[in-house]
């Protein structure tokens, strides 16, 4: 990753001679202007008669009026802040409308029948890609098959993914609980169980006297030095107060609160490993805790993985520019909007597939439940697929007996064939499945 250039100092430019010029240009910069970091501004044309450094000073001067301080500090004691330019306001409004309201994609709404299936699929995707962001090398298809079938992890990387999946499921059970340092540590323990060189480090912040972890790039260059271990107990307590909206601070849009909670855990980097996975899990907790129920159905890490350099730069831009978290907020809002839009598209595709299948078996409607329809849909797309009691139960969050009944009924109707698998058996689609469904 090419590291962004750090912003130049600008306060010294507020001299008697330059201040009128900076204020004149600063008045033309408003909330509607794109909130660019120095790394982008330095490549754009500066106003006539100004250097890029003076142009940057004018931008910073204009942003002072938009600055909103947070009850959270950098390692130097500087208060972090954020702004609400138009692109942030629009992003917050869009997410608030689409992540807490209803999905408008009839007949593809999330119903009580298919809710568990969508949640499980999303949790699997998030667990896999969040682990891959931190180095897990397991192929996506292999990892998903492992989670679906319940196969025990064979490698360190597979164990990372299983742990993350368990942590994401845990988030759903604690969504209504207040955040505490103990809960953060429990999430970290779930994420890292059995994967650390020092097992005792799972579920606890680093201690004074331990060599503090730092964030580096692929070449070993230090990108971020987190605060000393001695400060971690207090910083975690303040983060929890912030996440629970207990801090003495002005109103903060809930979505931004979730994003900043994500940032701060990554910034404080309290654990020896697994900080990124824990930070992203906290983002999910915060969104669900604040009523954004749709978040449970999306995977942000899958999109972050596709643009890891931008994800990292959004951290660095915010840290380097006087603790201005607006850059990180903007990028995370963009990712969240993309994830929600893709969920809408996914649900619409699933609805279309279901409708085509329903038409294919017109005259036999009522013979299959929604789980069996999902099996048939998958079987048509993947003629060599194998279904087991465990994989079917995991995919739909049902007990083994319900899963076994579903598959045996499809076998009795001649749509699935039972085959030996290890000491047990599995079911595969019959060769002429499509023809049988269209009869």
Foldseek 3Di string as FASTA:
>chain_A
DDAADFQDDQPVQCDPVLVVVLCVVLVVDALQDDPDFLSVQQPDDAPPPDHSSSSVNSVVVNCVVQWFFDPAAALVRFTFTAGRRPLLVVLLVVLVDQLQDWQPQPPLGDDPQCVLLLLLVALLVQLLLLLVLQPQPDDSVVLLVCLLQVPDDDDLSSQLSVLLSVLLVVLVVCLQPQDDLQVLLVSQLSNCQPNDPDNVLRSFFDAPPDDADFDADPVRHGLADAHGLVCVVVNRHVLSCLLRVNDPGDDDRQLVSLLVSLLSQVRNVGGPDDSNSSSVSSSLSSCSSVNSNNSSSFHLSVVCSVPVVQQVNLSNSCVSPSNHNHSSSSVSSVSSVVRSVVSSVVSNVVVVLLVVLCVLQPVCPPLARPLLSVVLSVCVVPQFDKADLRSSCSSNVHDSVVSVVSVVSCVVVVQWDWDDDVPRIIIGGDPCNSVVSND
